[in-house]
Amino acid sequence: MITLRAAEKRGHGMHGWLDTWHSFSFAGYYDPAHIHWGPLRVINEDRVQPGRGFGTHGHDNMEIISYVLAGALGHKDSMGTQSRIVPGEVQRMSAGTGITHSEFNYEEHGLTHFLQIWIIPSQRGLPPSYEQTAFSEAEKRGRLRLVASPDGRDGSVTIHQDAYMFSGLFDGNEQVEYQIPAGRLGYVHVARGEAEVNGRTLRAGDALLYEDEPEVAIANGDESEILVFDLPRM
């Protein structure tokens, strides 16, 4: 079964400095049909005004991935990490036993547009940790590049869950298929542009949820950036 999660059906919040869309229940948005998909708990699409951001706040027992689409995201945390995250880079923060951090638009002019992704870890009470890796456009052009995995294979960031996250860039006649292992879930999120995914035309913000399906098939992209998740059932 493949289920469409249309962009306009997501939760939406406009807070002046922040324009945010929630694919899953988050903060004041609650949808009992969309609380998580396997261990995939949050995909928030955030656009942050210049010089603004999320003040210092805490997390625990969550794998948090930041994926920047435009602009630059500043990060500070209680481990002493200070970083700048730009398009092409993937940041992973394991909150573990507890961490505080802040995120803000590093740009003086222009929005920072990014995805905040949360994955429920397979083990609680781990030590907090941080990782940031860059992936070139060439690595993602016309293919799905592994960017997060449980074992850090192929230079991906390491997450504490039996989950895999891929990123791809598609335009024109580029096509790719990803085989979903039997018994697992799939999730596709179109971050930018549009593409045909399993015969459906998807646009930015749209997603497909896969259950008992053998593959993800991507074709006919139009300046699209697509994330694919391979997930265990929970």
C-alpha atoms as a PDB file:
ATOM      1  CA  MET A   1       0.000   0.000   0.000  1.00  0.00           C
ATOM      2  CA  ILE A   2       1.226   3.476  -0.915  1.00  0.00           C
ATOM      3  CA  THR A   3      -0.432   6.430   0.843  1.00  0.00           C
ATOM      4  CA  LEU A   4      -0.118  10.044  -0.243  1.00  0.00           C
ATOM      5  CA  ARG A   5       0.611  12.665   2.404  1.00  0.00           C
ATOM      6  CA  ALA A   6      -0.127  15.887   0.495  1.00  0.00           C
ATOM      7  CA  ALA A   7       1.885  18.987   1.363  1.00  0.00           C
ATOM      8  CA  GLU A   8      -1.193  21.107   2.060  1.00  0.00           C
ATOM      9  CA  LYS A   9      -2.555  18.539   4.515  1.00  0.00           C
ATOM     10  CA  ARG A  10       0.384  19.012   6.884  1.00  0.00           C
ATOM     11  CA  GLY A  11       0.174  21.049  10.059  1.00  0.00           C
ATOM     12  CA  HIS A  12       1.139  24.693   9.547  1.00  0.00           C
ATOM     13  CA  GLY A  13       2.301  27.435  11.862  1.00  0.00           C
ATOM     14  CA  MET A  14       3.171  31.055  11.067  1.00  0.00           C
ATOM     15  CA  HIS A  15       5.019  32.742  13.907  1.00  0.00           C
ATOM     16  CA  GLY A  16       6.400  35.863  12.209  1.00  0.00           C
ATOM     17  CA  TRP A  17      10.036  34.823  12.405  1.00  0.00           C
ATOM     18  CA  LEU A  18       9.175  31.187  11.543  1.00  0.00           C
ATOM     19  CA  ASP A  19       7.043  29.617   8.822  1.00  0.00           C
ATOM     20  CA  THR A  20       6.782  25.907   9.660  1.00  0.00           C
ATOM     21  CA  TRP A  21       5.048  22.843   8.215  1.00  0.00           C
ATOM     22  CA  HIS A  22       4.704  19.593  10.196  1.00  0.00           C
ATOM     23  CA  SER A  23       4.447  16.225   8.424  1.00  0.00           C
ATOM     24  CA  PHE A  24       3.748  14.537  11.777  1.00  0.00           C
ATOM     25  CA  SER A  25       2.053  15.630  15.004  1.00  0.00           C
ATOM     26  CA  PHE A  26       4.265  18.244  16.654  1.00  0.00           C
ATOM     27  CA  ALA A  27       3.849  20.989  19.280  1.00  0.00           C
ATOM     28  CA  GLY A  28       0.305  22.356  18.949  1.00  0.00           C
ATOM     29  CA  TYR A  29      -0.490  20.281  15.852  1.00  0.00           C
ATOM     30  CA  TYR A  30      -2.027  16.867  16.495  1.00  0.00           C
ATOM     31  CA  ASP A  31      -3.246  14.361  13.923  1.00  0.00           C
ATOM     32  CA  PRO A  32      -3.823  10.846  15.274  1.00  0.00           C
ATOM     33  CA  ALA A  33      -3.318   9.422  11.768  1.00  0.00           C
ATOM     34  CA  HIS A  34       0.145  10.986  11.491  1.00  0.00           C
ATOM     35  CA  ILE A  35       2.093  10.606  14.714  1.00  0.00           C
ATOM     36  CA  HIS A  36       5.050   8.623  13.354  1.00  0.00           C
ATOM     37  CA  TRP A  37       5.936   6.185  10.562  1.00  0.00           C
ATOM     38  CA  GLY A  38       8.030   3.457  12.091  1.00  0.00           C
ATOM     39  CA  PRO A  39      10.712   5.337  14.047  1.00  0.00           C
ATOM     40  CA  LEU A  40      10.374   8.437  11.820  1.00  0.00           C
ATOM     41  CA  ARG A  41       8.806  10.861  14.279  1.00  0.00           C
ATOM     42  CA  VAL A  42       9.245  14.382  12.853  1.00  0.00           C
ATOM     43  CA  ILE A  43       9.779  16.096   9.523  1.00  0.00           C
ATOM     44  CA  ASN A  44       9.365  19.829  10.022  1.00  0.00           C
ATOM     45  CA  GLU A  45       9.944  22.134   7.071  1.00  0.00           C
ATOM     46  CA  ASP A  46      11.120  25.439   8.560  1.00  0.00           C
ATOM     47  CA  ARG A  47      11.803  28.838   7.010  1.00  0.00           C
ATOM     48  CA  VAL A  48      13.529  31.135   9.486  1.00  0.00           C
ATOM     49  CA  GLN A  49      13.892  34.901   9.136  1.00  0.00           C
ATOM     50  CA  PRO A  50      17.395  36.495   9.178  1.00  0.00           C
ATOM     51  CA  GLY A  51      18.960  36.691  12.625  1.00  0.00           C
ATOM     52  CA  ARG A  52      16.146  34.722  14.243  1.00  0.00           C
ATOM     53  CA  GLY A  53      15.877  31.158  15.440  1.00  0.00           C
ATOM     54  CA  PHE A  54      15.163  28.643  18.170  1.00  0.00           C
ATOM     55  CA  GLY A  55      16.554  29.692  21.555  1.00  0.00           C
ATOM     56  CA  THR A  56      18.319  27.275  23.865  1.00  0.00           C
ATOM     57  CA  HIS A  57      16.090  24.298  24.621  1.00  0.00           C
ATOM     58  CA  GLY A  58      16.496  20.679  25.611  1.00  0.00           C
ATOM     59  CA  HIS A  59      16.018  17.234  24.063  1.00  0.00           C
ATOM     60  CA  ASP A  60      16.631  13.681  25.169  1.00  0.00           C
ATOM     61  CA  ASN A  61      16.485  10.209  23.622  1.00  0.00           C
ATOM     62  CA  MET A  62      16.040  11.350  20.028  1.00  0.00           C
ATOM     63  CA  GLU A  63      18.161  11.277  16.856  1.00  0.00           C
ATOM     64  CA  ILE A  64      17.870  14.749  15.308  1.00  0.00           C
ATOM     65  CA  ILE A  65      18.937  15.436  11.718  1.00  0.00           C
ATOM     66  CA  SER A  66      19.147  18.914  10.183  1.00  0.00           C
ATOM     67  CA  TYR A  67      19.051  19.099   6.377  1.00  0.00           C
ATOM     68  CA  VAL A  68      19.507  22.598   4.936  1.00  0.00           C
ATOM     69  CA  LEU A  69      17.923  23.470   1.587  1.00  0.00           C
ATOM     70  CA  ALA A  70      18.840  27.175   1.397  1.00  0.00           C
ATOM     71  CA  GLY A  71      20.721  29.698   3.524  1.00  0.00           C
ATOM     72  CA  ALA A  72      22.803  28.657   6.515  1.00  0.00           C
ATOM     73  CA  LEU A  73      21.846  27.267   9.913  1.00  0.00           C
ATOM     74  CA  GLY A  74      23.827  28.142  13.021  1.00  0.00           C
ATOM     75  CA  HIS A  75      24.064  25.555  15.810  1.00  0.00           C
ATOM     76  CA  LYS A  76      25.311  25.700  19.409  1.00  0.00           C
ATOM     77  CA  ASP A  77      24.943  23.004  22.045  1.00  0.00           C
ATOM     78  CA  SER A  78      25.857  22.043  25.609  1.00  0.00           C
ATOM     79  CA  MET A  79      28.658  19.751  24.353  1.00  0.00           C
ATOM     80  CA  GLY A  80      30.494  22.857  23.182  1.00  0.00           C
ATOM     81  CA  THR A  81      29.712  22.384  19.496  1.00  0.00           C
ATOM     82  CA  GLN A  82      29.385  25.514  17.384  1.00  0.00           C
ATOM     83  CA  SER A  83      28.760  24.987  13.689  1.00  0.00           C
ATOM     84  CA  ARG A  84      27.335  26.398  10.491  1.00  0.00           C
ATOM     85  CA  ILE A  85      25.302  24.045   8.310  1.00  0.00           C
ATOM     86  CA  VAL A  86      24.767  24.829   4.611  1.00  0.00           C
ATOM     87  CA  PRO A  87      23.078  23.054   1.682  1.00  0.00           C
ATOM     88  CA  GLY A  88      24.761  19.734   0.950  1.00  0.00           C
ATOM     89  CA  GLU A  89      25.611  19.084   4.600  1.00  0.00           C
ATOM     90  CA  VAL A  90      23.806  16.749   6.974  1.00  0.00           C
ATOM     91  CA  GLN A  91      23.965  17.279  10.732  1.00  0.00           C
ATOM     92  CA  ARG A  92      23.137  14.536  13.203  1.00  0.00           C
ATOM     93  CA  MET A  93      22.723  15.200  16.918  1.00  0.00           C
ATOM     94  CA  SER A  94      21.998  12.290  19.248  1.00  0.00           C
ATOM     95  CA  ALA A  95      20.274  13.804  22.276  1.00  0.00           C
ATOM     96  CA  GLY A  96      20.696  10.661  24.380  1.00  0.00           C
ATOM     97  CA  THR A  97      20.644  11.281  28.139  1.00  0.00           C
ATOM     98  CA  GLY A  98      19.994  14.976  27.520  1.00  0.00           C
ATOM     99  CA  ILE A  99      21.338  17.962  25.631  1.00  0.00           C
ATOM    100  CA  THR A 100      20.507  21.630  25.185  1.00  0.00           C
ATOM    101  CA  HIS A 101      21.047  23.492  21.927  1.00  0.00           C
ATOM    102  CA  SER A 102      20.006  26.477  19.870  1.00  0.00           C
ATOM    103  CA  GLU A 103      19.509  26.891  16.128  1.00  0.00           C
ATOM    104  CA  PHE A 104      19.319  30.148  14.235  1.00  0.00           C
ATOM    105  CA  ASN A 105      19.464  31.650  10.763  1.00  0.00           C
ATOM    106  CA  TYR A 106      23.158  32.365  10.237  1.00  0.00           C
ATOM    107  CA  GLU A 107      22.412  34.691   7.298  1.00  0.00           C
ATOM    108  CA  GLU A 108      22.189  38.453   7.710  1.00  0.00           C
ATOM    109  CA  HIS A 109      19.845  38.664   4.726  1.00  0.00           C
ATOM    110  CA  GLY A 110      17.471  36.056   3.368  1.00  0.00           C
ATOM    111  CA  LEU A 111      15.658  33.050   4.770  1.00  0.00           C
ATOM    112  CA  THR A 112      17.208  29.823   5.936  1.00  0.00           C
ATOM    113  CA  HIS A 113      15.095  26.917   4.723  1.00  0.00           C
ATOM    114  CA  PHE A 114      15.710  23.544   6.306  1.00  0.00           C
ATOM    115  CA  LEU A 115      14.194  20.228   7.317  1.00  0.00           C
ATOM    116  CA  GLN A 116      14.288  19.147  10.939  1.00  0.00           C
ATOM    117  CA  ILE A 117      14.015  15.346  11.106  1.00  0.00           C
ATOM    118  CA  TRP A 118      13.616  13.281  14.270  1.00  0.00           C
ATOM    119  CA  ILE A 119      14.131   9.529  14.471  1.00  0.00           C
ATOM    120  CA  ILE A 120      13.287   7.526  17.596  1.00  0.00           C
ATOM    121  CA  PRO A 121      16.468   5.671  18.698  1.00  0.00           C
ATOM    122  CA  SER A 122      16.550   1.918  19.236  1.00  0.00           C
ATOM    123  CA  GLN A 123      18.180   2.429  22.649  1.00  0.00           C
ATOM    124  CA  ARG A 124      17.557   5.022  25.334  1.00  0.00           C
ATOM    125  CA  GLY A 125      20.110   6.609  27.641  1.00  0.00           C
ATOM    126  CA  LEU A 126      22.996   6.868  25.168  1.00  0.00           C
ATOM    127  CA  PRO A 127      25.701   9.532  25.573  1.00  0.00           C
ATOM    128  CA  PRO A 128      24.915  12.688  23.556  1.00  0.00           C
ATOM    129  CA  SER A 129      26.968  13.091  20.369  1.00  0.00           C
ATOM    130  CA  TYR A 130      27.236  15.221  17.236  1.00  0.00           C
ATOM    131  CA  GLU A 131      28.248  14.645  13.614  1.00  0.00           C
ATOM    132  CA  GLN A 132      28.227  16.778  10.469  1.00  0.00           C
ATOM    133  CA  THR A 133      29.125  15.630   6.940  1.00  0.00           C
ATOM    134  CA  ALA A 134      29.040  17.219   3.478  1.00  0.00           C
ATOM    135  CA  PHE A 135      27.770  15.429   0.380  1.00  0.00           C
ATOM    136  CA  SER A 136      28.447  16.895  -3.059  1.00  0.00           C
ATOM    137  CA  GLU A 137      25.788  17.433  -5.724  1.00  0.00           C
ATOM    138  CA  ALA A 138      27.637  14.994  -7.975  1.00  0.00           C
ATOM    139  CA  GLU A 139      27.174  12.231  -5.385  1.00  0.00           C
ATOM    140  CA  LYS A 140      23.394  12.760  -5.424  1.00  0.00           C
ATOM    141  CA  ARG A 141      22.784  13.586  -9.080  1.00  0.00           C
ATOM    142  CA  GLY A 142      20.420  11.024 -10.621  1.00  0.00           C
ATOM    143  CA  ARG A 143      20.883   8.588  -7.755  1.00  0.00           C
ATOM    144  CA  LEU A 144      20.062   8.040  -4.096  1.00  0.00           C
ATOM    145  CA  ARG A 145      23.059   8.793  -1.907  1.00  0.00           C
ATOM    146  CA  LEU A 146      23.066   7.220   1.562  1.00  0.00           C
ATOM    147  CA  VAL A 147      23.416  10.105   4.038  1.00  0.00           C
ATOM    148  CA  ALA A 148      22.401   8.482   7.358  1.00  0.00           C
ATOM    149  CA  SER A 149      22.625   4.856   8.512  1.00  0.00           C
ATOM    150  CA  PRO A 150      23.052   2.750  11.674  1.00  0.00           C
ATOM    151  CA  ASP A 151      26.659   1.873  10.824  1.00  0.00           C
ATOM    152  CA  GLY A 152      27.932   5.027   9.103  1.00  0.00           C
ATOM    153  CA  ARG A 153      28.635   3.130   5.906  1.00  0.00           C
ATOM    154  CA  ASP A 154      29.830   4.975   2.798  1.00  0.00           C
ATOM    155  CA  GLY A 155      30.585   8.091   4.824  1.00  0.00           C
ATOM    156  CA  SER A 156      27.006   8.594   6.009  1.00  0.00           C
ATOM    157  CA  VAL A 157      26.273  10.033   9.434  1.00  0.00           C
ATOM    158  CA  THR A 158      25.545   7.426  12.102  1.00  0.00           C
ATOM    159  CA  ILE A 159      22.125   7.176  13.723  1.00  0.00           C
ATOM    160  CA  HIS A 160      21.181   4.914  16.609  1.00  0.00           C
ATOM    161  CA  GLN A 161      18.360   3.109  14.831  1.00  0.00           C
ATOM    162  CA  ASP A 162      18.026   0.467  12.096  1.00  0.00           C
ATOM    163  CA  ALA A 163      16.985   3.185   9.649  1.00  0.00           C
ATOM    164  CA  TYR A 164      18.491   4.516   6.426  1.00  0.00           C
ATOM    165  CA  MET A 165      18.094   7.957   4.863  1.00  0.00           C
ATOM    166  CA  PHE A 166      18.975   8.680   1.226  1.00  0.00           C
ATOM    167  CA  SER A 167      19.108  11.964  -0.696  1.00  0.00           C
ATOM    168  CA  GLY A 168      18.880  12.422  -4.459  1.00  0.00           C
ATOM    169  CA  LEU A 169      18.748  15.190  -7.066  1.00  0.00           C
ATOM    170  CA  PHE A 170      16.685  14.555 -10.195  1.00  0.00           C
ATOM    171  CA  ASP A 171      16.040  16.502 -13.379  1.00  0.00           C
ATOM    172  CA  GLY A 172      14.893  15.439 -16.829  1.00  0.00           C
ATOM    173  CA  ASN A 173      15.163  11.772 -17.755  1.00  0.00           C
ATOM    174  CA  GLU A 174      17.061  10.585 -14.667  1.00  0.00           C
ATOM    175  CA  GLN A 175      15.467   7.510 -13.114  1.00  0.00           C
ATOM    176  CA  VAL A 176      16.205   5.404 -10.059  1.00  0.00           C
ATOM    177  CA  GLU A 177      14.625   2.530  -8.185  1.00  0.00           C
ATOM    178  CA  TYR A 178      15.141   1.554  -4.559  1.00  0.00           C
ATOM    179  CA  GLN A 179      14.193  -1.914  -3.352  1.00  0.00           C
ATOM    180  CA  ILE A 180      12.458  -1.900   0.035  1.00  0.00           C
ATOM    181  CA  PRO A 181      13.434  -5.041   1.976  1.00  0.00           C
ATOM    182  CA  ALA A 182      10.534  -7.335   2.875  1.00  0.00           C
ATOM    183  CA  GLY A 183       8.856  -6.455   6.159  1.00  0.00           C
ATOM    184  CA  ARG A 184      10.118  -2.863   6.242  1.00  0.00           C
ATOM    185  CA  LEU A 185       8.494   0.524   5.674  1.00  0.00           C
ATOM    186  CA  GLY A 186       9.388   3.214   3.173  1.00  0.00           C
ATOM    187  CA  TYR A 187       8.855   6.963   3.219  1.00  0.00           C
ATOM    188  CA  VAL A 188       9.547   9.474   0.429  1.00  0.00           C
ATOM    189  CA  HIS A 189       9.603  13.225   1.021  1.00  0.00           C
ATOM    190  CA  VAL A 190       9.960  15.722  -1.839  1.00  0.00           C
ATOM    191  CA  ALA A 191      12.015  18.581  -0.452  1.00  0.00           C
ATOM    192  CA  ARG A 192      12.187  20.719  -3.621  1.00  0.00           C
ATOM    193  CA  GLY A 193      10.831  20.709  -7.172  1.00  0.00           C
ATOM    194  CA  GLU A 194       8.643  17.918  -8.462  1.00  0.00           C
ATOM    195  CA  ALA A 195       8.991  14.382  -9.753  1.00  0.00           C
ATOM    196  CA  GLU A 196       7.058  11.272 -10.658  1.00  0.00           C
ATOM    197  CA  VAL A 197       7.290   8.752  -7.823  1.00  0.00           C
ATOM    198  CA  ASN A 198       5.675   5.349  -8.331  1.00  0.00           C
ATOM    199  CA  GLY A 199       3.561   6.863 -11.072  1.00  0.00           C
ATOM    200  CA  ARG A 200       2.325   9.823  -9.031  1.00  0.00           C
ATOM    201  CA  THR A 201       3.346  13.422  -9.655  1.00  0.00           C
ATOM    202  CA  LEU A 202       4.646  14.858  -6.387  1.00  0.00           C
ATOM    203  CA  ARG A 203       5.574  18.439  -5.610  1.00  0.00           C
ATOM    204  CA  ALA A 204       7.589  20.066  -2.844  1.00  0.00           C
ATOM    205  CA  GLY A 205       6.272  19.039   0.565  1.00  0.00           C
ATOM    206  CA  ASP A 206       4.404  15.974  -0.697  1.00  0.00           C
ATOM    207  CA  ALA A 207       5.256  12.546   0.723  1.00  0.00           C
ATOM    208  CA  LEU A 208       4.441   8.888   0.115  1.00  0.00           C
ATOM    209  CA  LEU A 209       4.196   6.240   2.851  1.00  0.00           C
ATOM    210  CA  TYR A 210       5.018   2.651   1.813  1.00  0.00           C
ATOM    211  CA  GLU A 211       3.818  -0.498   3.550  1.00  0.00           C
ATOM    212  CA  ASP A 212       4.216  -3.986   2.041  1.00  0.00           C
ATOM    213  CA  GLU A 213       5.544  -2.466  -1.187  1.00  0.00           C
ATOM    214  CA  PRO A 214       8.658  -3.725  -3.004  1.00  0.00           C
ATOM    215  CA  GLU A 215      10.203  -0.521  -4.342  1.00  0.00           C
ATOM    216  CA  VAL A 216      10.407   3.229  -4.660  1.00  0.00           C
ATOM    217  CA  ALA A 217      10.585   4.350  -8.313  1.00  0.00           C
ATOM    218  CA  ILE A 218      11.592   7.952  -9.131  1.00  0.00           C
ATOM    219  CA  ALA A 219      11.441   9.448 -12.642  1.00  0.00           C
ATOM    220  CA  ASN A 220      10.872  12.668 -14.615  1.00  0.00           C
ATOM    221  CA  GLY A 221      12.269  15.033 -12.027  1.00  0.00           C
ATOM    222  CA  ASP A 222      12.029  18.789 -12.412  1.00  0.00           C
ATOM    223  CA  GLU A 223      14.806  20.314 -10.288  1.00  0.00           C
ATOM    224  CA  SER A 224      13.760  17.967  -7.502  1.00  0.00           C
ATOM    225  CA  GLU A 225      15.511  17.056  -4.266  1.00  0.00           C
ATOM    226  CA  ILE A 226      14.078  13.908  -2.726  1.00  0.00           C
ATOM    227  CA  LEU A 227      14.637  12.099   0.581  1.00  0.00           C
ATOM    228  CA  VAL A 228      13.956   8.369   0.855  1.00  0.00           C
ATOM    229  CA  PHE A 229      13.749   6.546   4.210  1.00  0.00           C
ATOM    230  CA  ASP A 230      14.054   2.786   4.725  1.00  0.00           C
ATOM    231  CA  LEU A 231      12.557   2.065   8.146  1.00  0.00           C
ATOM    232  CA  PRO A 232      11.810  -0.822  10.519  1.00  0.00           C
ATOM    233  CA  ARG A 233       8.312  -1.388  11.794  1.00  0.00           C
ATOM    234  CA  MET A 234       7.607  -0.425  15.400  1.00  0.00           C
END
